[in-house]
C-alpha cells in the first residue's frame, strides 16, 4: 500500500499573484482629534471603504501616485 499525495490545490489555497507582488506593509500611528477621526469613519462607511483605504486614497495626491 503506497501513500498518494493530494494535489496542492486541495491542500491549501494558493495566493493570488497580485498578493505576492505587494510591497511589505508597515503601521503608521497618527494623533488626530477624536471628532476628525469620527468624520473620517463616517465618510469611509458612506463610501464602503476602510479608513485605511480612505486615507491612502487622499494621500496619493501628495505622493504623485
PDB file of N, CA and C in Angstrom:
ATOM      1  N   UNK A   1       0.846  -1.177   0.000  1.00  0.00           N
ATOM      2  CA  UNK A   1       0.000   0.000   0.000  1.00  0.00           C
ATOM      3  C   UNK A   1       0.891   1.240   0.000  1.00  0.00           C
ATOM      4  N   UNK A   2       0.680   2.113  -0.963  1.00  0.00           N
ATOM      5  CA  UNK A   2       1.501   3.327  -1.053  1.00  0.00           C
ATOM      6  C   UNK A   2       0.651   4.563  -0.771  1.00  0.00           C
ATOM      7  N   UNK A   3       1.291   5.577  -0.277  1.00  0.00           N
ATOM      8  CA  UNK A   3       0.604   6.839   0.005  1.00  0.00           C
ATOM      9  C   UNK A   3       0.592   7.694  -1.250  1.00  0.00           C
ATOM     10  N   UNK A   4      -0.528   8.308  -1.499  1.00  0.00           N
ATOM     11  CA  UNK A   4      -0.628   9.217  -2.637  1.00  0.00           C
ATOM     12  C   UNK A   4      -0.720  10.647  -2.121  1.00  0.00           C
ATOM     13  N   UNK A   5      -0.010  11.535  -2.739  1.00  0.00           N
ATOM     14  CA  UNK A   5      -0.094  12.934  -2.314  1.00  0.00           C
ATOM     15  C   UNK A   5      -1.294  13.594  -2.984  1.00  0.00           C
ATOM     16  N   UNK A   6      -1.888  14.509  -2.225  1.00  0.00           N
ATOM     17  CA  UNK A   6      -3.029  15.271  -2.738  1.00  0.00           C
ATOM     18  C   UNK A   6      -2.512  16.356  -3.664  1.00  0.00           C
ATOM     19  N   UNK A   7      -3.339  16.750  -4.623  1.00  0.00           N
ATOM     20  CA  UNK A   7      -2.950  17.921  -5.418  1.00  0.00           C
ATOM     21  C   UNK A   7      -2.809  19.133  -4.500  1.00  0.00           C
ATOM     22  N   UNK A   8      -1.869  19.999  -4.793  1.00  0.00           N
ATOM     23  CA  UNK A   8      -1.604  21.162  -3.959  1.00  0.00           C
ATOM     24  C   UNK A   8      -2.853  22.021  -3.779  1.00  0.00           C
ATOM     25  N   UNK A   9      -3.681  22.099  -4.824  1.00  0.00           N
ATOM     26  CA  UNK A   9      -4.897  22.913  -4.732  1.00  0.00           C
ATOM     27  C   UNK A   9      -5.875  22.376  -3.682  1.00  0.00           C
ATOM     28  N   UNK A  10      -5.778  21.107  -3.342  1.00  0.00           N
ATOM     29  CA  UNK A  10      -6.645  20.534  -2.303  1.00  0.00           C
ATOM     30  C   UNK A  10      -6.080  20.731  -0.904  1.00  0.00           C
ATOM     31  N   UNK A  11      -4.805  21.013  -0.812  1.00  0.00           N
ATOM     32  CA  UNK A  11      -4.147  21.144   0.485  1.00  0.00           C
ATOM     33  C   UNK A  11      -4.275  22.552   1.033  1.00  0.00           C
ATOM     34  N   UNK A  12      -4.088  23.552   0.200  1.00  0.00           N
ATOM     35  CA  UNK A  12      -4.159  24.940   0.648  1.00  0.00           C
ATOM     36  C   UNK A  12      -4.528  25.846  -0.522  1.00  0.00           C
ATOM     37  N   UNK A  13      -5.046  27.003  -0.188  1.00  0.00           N
ATOM     38  CA  UNK A  13      -5.339  27.990  -1.215  1.00  0.00           C
ATOM     39  C   UNK A  13      -4.042  28.665  -1.627  1.00  0.00           C
ATOM     40  N   UNK A  14      -3.850  28.808  -2.901  1.00  0.00           N
ATOM     41  CA  UNK A  14      -2.663  29.498  -3.398  1.00  0.00           C
ATOM     42  C   UNK A  14      -2.945  30.994  -3.453  1.00  0.00           C
ATOM     43  N   UNK A  15      -2.014  31.825  -2.993  1.00  0.00           N
ATOM     44  CA  UNK A  15      -2.244  33.278  -3.036  1.00  0.00           C
ATOM     45  C   UNK A  15      -2.270  33.792  -4.467  1.00  0.00           C
ATOM     46  N   UNK A  16      -3.044  34.824  -4.678  1.00  0.00           N
ATOM     47  CA  UNK A  16      -3.109  35.443  -5.999  1.00  0.00           C
ATOM     48  C   UNK A  16      -1.777  36.106  -6.314  1.00  0.00           C
ATOM     49  N   UNK A  17      -1.455  36.213  -7.569  1.00  0.00           N
ATOM     50  CA  UNK A  17      -0.196  36.837  -7.997  1.00  0.00           C
ATOM     51  C   UNK A  17      -0.113  38.263  -7.483  1.00  0.00           C
ATOM     52  N   UNK A  18      -1.241  39.003  -7.501  1.00  0.00           N
ATOM     53  CA  UNK A  18      -1.215  40.392  -7.038  1.00  0.00           C
ATOM     54  C   UNK A  18      -0.810  40.483  -5.564  1.00  0.00           C
ATOM     55  N   UNK A  19      -1.198  39.491  -4.764  1.00  0.00           N
ATOM     56  CA  UNK A  19      -0.824  39.492  -3.345  1.00  0.00           C
ATOM     57  C   UNK A  19       0.670  39.257  -3.209  1.00  0.00           C
ATOM     58  N   UNK A  20       1.220  38.385  -4.022  1.00  0.00           N
ATOM     59  CA  UNK A  20       2.652  38.093  -3.953  1.00  0.00           C
ATOM     60  C   UNK A  20       3.499  39.279  -4.386  1.00  0.00           C
ATOM     61  N   UNK A  21       2.954  40.137  -5.225  1.00  0.00           N
ATOM     62  CA  UNK A  21       3.711  41.257  -5.755  1.00  0.00           C
ATOM     63  C   UNK A  21       3.596  42.509  -4.874  1.00  0.00           C
ATOM     64  N   UNK A  22       2.746  42.469  -3.847  1.00  0.00           N
ATOM     65  CA  UNK A  22       2.572  43.643  -2.992  1.00  0.00           C
ATOM     66  C   UNK A  22       3.816  43.903  -2.157  1.00  0.00           C
ATOM     67  N   UNK A  23       4.030  45.166  -1.869  1.00  0.00           N
ATOM     68  CA  UNK A  23       5.138  45.572  -1.018  1.00  0.00           C
ATOM     69  C   UNK A  23       4.777  45.293   0.437  1.00  0.00           C
ATOM     70  N   UNK A  24       5.788  45.062   1.270  1.00  0.00           N
ATOM     71  CA  UNK A  24       5.566  44.823   2.695  1.00  0.00           C
ATOM     72  C   UNK A  24       4.836  46.019   3.307  1.00  0.00           C
ATOM     73  N   UNK A  25       3.859  45.744   4.141  1.00  0.00           N
ATOM     74  CA  UNK A  25       3.067  46.783   4.789  1.00  0.00           C
ATOM     75  C   UNK A  25       3.665  47.126   6.155  1.00  0.00           C
ATOM     76  N   UNK A  26       3.618  48.393   6.530  1.00  0.00           N
ATOM     77  CA  UNK A  26       4.068  48.852   7.847  1.00  0.00           C
ATOM     78  C   UNK A  26       2.958  49.686   8.478  1.00  0.00           C
ATOM     79  N   UNK A  27       2.979  49.781   9.787  1.00  0.00           N
ATOM     80  CA  UNK A  27       1.961  50.520  10.524  1.00  0.00           C
ATOM     81  C   UNK A  27       2.427  51.948  10.760  1.00  0.00           C
ATOM     82  N   UNK A  28       1.478  52.884  10.645  1.00  0.00           N
ATOM     83  CA  UNK A  28       1.730  54.289  10.965  1.00  0.00           C
ATOM     84  C   UNK A  28       0.727  54.689  12.043  1.00  0.00           C
ATOM     85  N   UNK A  29       1.212  55.304  13.086  1.00  0.00           N
ATOM     86  CA  UNK A  29       0.330  55.831  14.130  1.00  0.00           C
ATOM     87  C   UNK A  29       0.215  57.331  13.940  1.00  0.00           C
ATOM     88  N   UNK A  30      -0.969  57.841  14.161  1.00  0.00           N
ATOM     89  CA  UNK A  30      -1.249  59.223  13.848  1.00  0.00           C
ATOM     90  C   UNK A  30      -2.193  59.774  14.911  1.00  0.00           C
ATOM     91  N   UNK A  31      -1.838  60.889  15.518  1.00  0.00           N
ATOM     92  CA  UNK A  31      -2.702  61.518  16.522  1.00  0.00           C
ATOM     93  C   UNK A  31      -3.568  62.574  15.854  1.00  0.00           C
ATOM     94  N   UNK A  32      -4.887  62.402  15.959  1.00  0.00           N
ATOM     95  CA  UNK A  32      -5.846  63.365  15.425  1.00  0.00           C
ATOM     96  C   UNK A  32      -6.951  63.566  16.454  1.00  0.00           C
ATOM     97  N   UNK A  33      -7.667  64.673  16.316  1.00  0.00           N
ATOM     98  CA  UNK A  33      -8.797  64.928  17.210  1.00  0.00           C
ATOM     99  C   UNK A  33      -9.843  63.828  17.032  1.00  0.00           C
ATOM    100  N   UNK A  34     -10.478  63.459  18.108  1.00  0.00           N
ATOM    101  CA  UNK A  34     -11.487  62.409  18.064  1.00  0.00           C
ATOM    102  C   UNK A  34     -12.613  62.767  17.084  1.00  0.00           C
ATOM    103  N   UNK A  35     -12.987  64.041  17.052  1.00  0.00           N
ATOM    104  CA  UNK A  35     -14.058  64.470  16.140  1.00  0.00           C
ATOM    105  C   UNK A  35     -13.649  64.286  14.679  1.00  0.00           C
ATOM    106  N   UNK A  36     -12.372  64.529  14.359  1.00  0.00           N
ATOM    107  CA  UNK A  36     -11.890  64.337  12.999  1.00  0.00           C
ATOM    108  C   UNK A  36     -11.893  62.855  12.637  1.00  0.00           C
ATOM    109  N   UNK A  37     -11.421  62.031  13.555  1.00  0.00           N
ATOM    110  CA  UNK A  37     -11.444  60.583  13.315  1.00  0.00           C
ATOM    111  C   UNK A  37     -12.865  60.104  13.071  1.00  0.00           C
ATOM    112  N   UNK A  38     -13.819  60.620  13.831  1.00  0.00           N
ATOM    113  CA  UNK A  38     -15.220  60.228  13.643  1.00  0.00           C
ATOM    114  C   UNK A  38     -15.742  60.651  12.275  1.00  0.00           C
ATOM    115  N   UNK A  39     -15.316  61.818  11.802  1.00  0.00           N
ATOM    116  CA  UNK A  39     -15.710  62.266  10.462  1.00  0.00           C
ATOM    117  C   UNK A  39     -15.139  61.318   9.409  1.00  0.00           C
ATOM    118  N   UNK A  40     -13.858  60.951   9.566  1.00  0.00           N
ATOM    119  CA  UNK A  40     -13.236  60.026   8.623  1.00  0.00           C
ATOM    120  C   UNK A  40     -13.964  58.683   8.624  1.00  0.00           C
ATOM    121  N   UNK A  41     -14.313  58.191   9.810  1.00  0.00           N
ATOM    122  CA  UNK A  41     -15.032  56.919   9.914  1.00  0.00           C
ATOM    123  C   UNK A  41     -16.358  56.989   9.170  1.00  0.00           C
ATOM    124  N   UNK A  42     -17.078  58.100   9.362  1.00  0.00           N
ATOM    125  CA  UNK A  42     -18.377  58.281   8.723  1.00  0.00           C
ATOM    126  C   UNK A  42     -18.234  58.284   7.198  1.00  0.00           C
ATOM    127  N   UNK A  43     -17.257  59.044   6.700  1.00  0.00           N
ATOM    128  CA  UNK A  43     -17.039  59.123   5.251  1.00  0.00           C
ATOM    129  C   UNK A  43     -16.633  57.749   4.705  1.00  0.00           C
ATOM    130  N   UNK A  44     -15.760  57.038   5.409  1.00  0.00           N
ATOM    131  CA  UNK A  44     -15.331  55.709   4.963  1.00  0.00           C
ATOM    132  C   UNK A  44     -16.523  54.756   4.881  1.00  0.00           C
ATOM    133  N   UNK A  45     -17.368  54.761   5.891  1.00  0.00           N
ATOM    134  CA  UNK A  45     -18.552  53.900   5.877  1.00  0.00           C
ATOM    135  C   UNK A  45     -19.477  54.259   4.724  1.00  0.00           C
ATOM    136  N   UNK A  46     -19.672  55.552   4.518  1.00  0.00           N
ATOM    137  CA  UNK A  46     -20.550  56.022   3.456  1.00  0.00           C
ATOM    138  C   UNK A  46     -20.043  55.574   2.080  1.00  0.00           C
ATOM    139  N   UNK A  47     -18.723  55.552   1.915  1.00  0.00           N
ATOM    140  CA  UNK A  47     -18.119  55.161   0.633  1.00  0.00           C
ATOM    141  C   UNK A  47     -17.800  53.672   0.568  1.00  0.00           C
ATOM    142  N   UNK A  48     -18.187  52.939   1.611  1.00  0.00           N
ATOM    143  CA  UNK A  48     -17.936  51.495   1.697  1.00  0.00           C
ATOM    144  C   UNK A  48     -16.448  51.171   1.554  1.00  0.00           C
ATOM    145  N   UNK A  49     -15.630  51.933   2.299  1.00  0.00           N
ATOM    146  CA  UNK A  49     -14.183  51.736   2.327  1.00  0.00           C
ATOM    147  C   UNK A  49     -13.744  51.605   3.775  1.00  0.00           C
ATOM    148  N   UNK A  50     -12.526  51.126   3.948  1.00  0.00           N
ATOM    149  CA  UNK A  50     -11.931  51.154   5.283  1.00  0.00           C
ATOM    150  C   UNK A  50     -11.319  52.539   5.478  1.00  0.00           C
ATOM    151  N   UNK A  51     -11.028  52.881   6.714  1.00  0.00           N
ATOM    152  CA  UNK A  51     -10.353  54.159   6.967  1.00  0.00           C
ATOM    153  C   UNK A  51      -8.970  54.155   6.327  1.00  0.00           C
ATOM    154  N   UNK A  52      -8.313  53.024   6.317  1.00  0.00           N
ATOM    155  CA  UNK A  52      -7.001  52.914   5.673  1.00  0.00           C
ATOM    156  C   UNK A  52      -7.111  53.263   4.193  1.00  0.00           C
ATOM    157  N   UNK A  53      -8.087  52.673   3.504  1.00  0.00           N
ATOM    158  CA  UNK A  53      -8.269  52.966   2.080  1.00  0.00           C
ATOM    159  C   UNK A  53      -8.571  54.444   1.852  1.00  0.00           C
ATOM    160  N   UNK A  54      -9.410  55.005   2.711  1.00  0.00           N
ATOM    161  CA  UNK A  54      -9.787  56.416   2.588  1.00  0.00           C
ATOM    162  C   UNK A  54      -8.554  57.320   2.715  1.00  0.00           C
ATOM    163  N   UNK A  55      -7.748  57.082   3.727  1.00  0.00           N
ATOM    164  CA  UNK A  55      -6.560  57.908   3.964  1.00  0.00           C
ATOM    165  C   UNK A  55      -5.530  57.700   2.854  1.00  0.00           C
ATOM    166  N   UNK A  56      -5.319  56.446   2.431  1.00  0.00           N
ATOM    167  CA  UNK A  56      -4.365  56.185   1.349  1.00  0.00           C
ATOM    168  C   UNK A  56      -4.792  56.875   0.066  1.00  0.00           C
ATOM    169  N   UNK A  57      -6.085  56.823  -0.260  1.00  0.00           N
ATOM    170  CA  UNK A  57      -6.575  57.496  -1.462  1.00  0.00           C
ATOM    171  C   UNK A  57      -6.310  59.005  -1.382  1.00  0.00           C
ATOM    172  N   UNK A  58      -6.553  59.587  -0.220  1.00  0.00           N
ATOM    173  CA  UNK A  58      -6.320  61.022  -0.042  1.00  0.00           C
ATOM    174  C   UNK A  58      -4.840  61.361  -0.151  1.00  0.00           C
ATOM    175  N   UNK A  59      -3.974  60.521   0.373  1.00  0.00           N
ATOM    176  CA  UNK A  59      -2.540  60.803   0.379  1.00  0.00           C
ATOM    177  C   UNK A  59      -1.885  60.583  -0.979  1.00  0.00           C
ATOM    178  N   UNK A  60      -2.532  59.847  -1.877  1.00  0.00           N
ATOM    179  CA  UNK A  60      -1.958  59.631  -3.218  1.00  0.00           C
ATOM    180  C   UNK A  60      -1.771  60.967  -3.947  1.00  0.00           C
ATOM    181  N   UNK A  61      -2.604  61.942  -3.647  1.00  0.00           N
ATOM    182  CA  UNK A  61      -2.483  63.268  -4.249  1.00  0.00           C
ATOM    183  C   UNK A  61      -1.113  63.872  -3.914  1.00  0.00           C
ATOM    184  N   UNK A  62      -0.671  63.685  -2.687  1.00  0.00           N
ATOM    185  CA  UNK A  62       0.583  64.294  -2.222  1.00  0.00           C
ATOM    186  C   UNK A  62       1.818  63.486  -2.589  1.00  0.00           C
ATOM    187  N   UNK A  63       1.636  62.217  -2.919  1.00  0.00           N
ATOM    188  CA  UNK A  63       2.799  61.410  -3.284  1.00  0.00           C
ATOM    189  C   UNK A  63       2.875  61.166  -4.779  1.00  0.00           C
ATOM    190  N   UNK A  64       2.035  61.876  -5.540  1.00  0.00           N
ATOM    191  CA  UNK A  64       2.040  61.806  -7.007  1.00  0.00           C
ATOM    192  C   UNK A  64       1.844  60.402  -7.561  1.00  0.00           C
ATOM    193  N   UNK A  65       0.941  59.646  -6.946  1.00  0.00           N
ATOM    194  CA  UNK A  65       0.659  58.290  -7.440  1.00  0.00           C
ATOM    195  C   UNK A  65      -0.669  58.270  -8.157  1.00  0.00           C
TER     196      UNK A  65
END
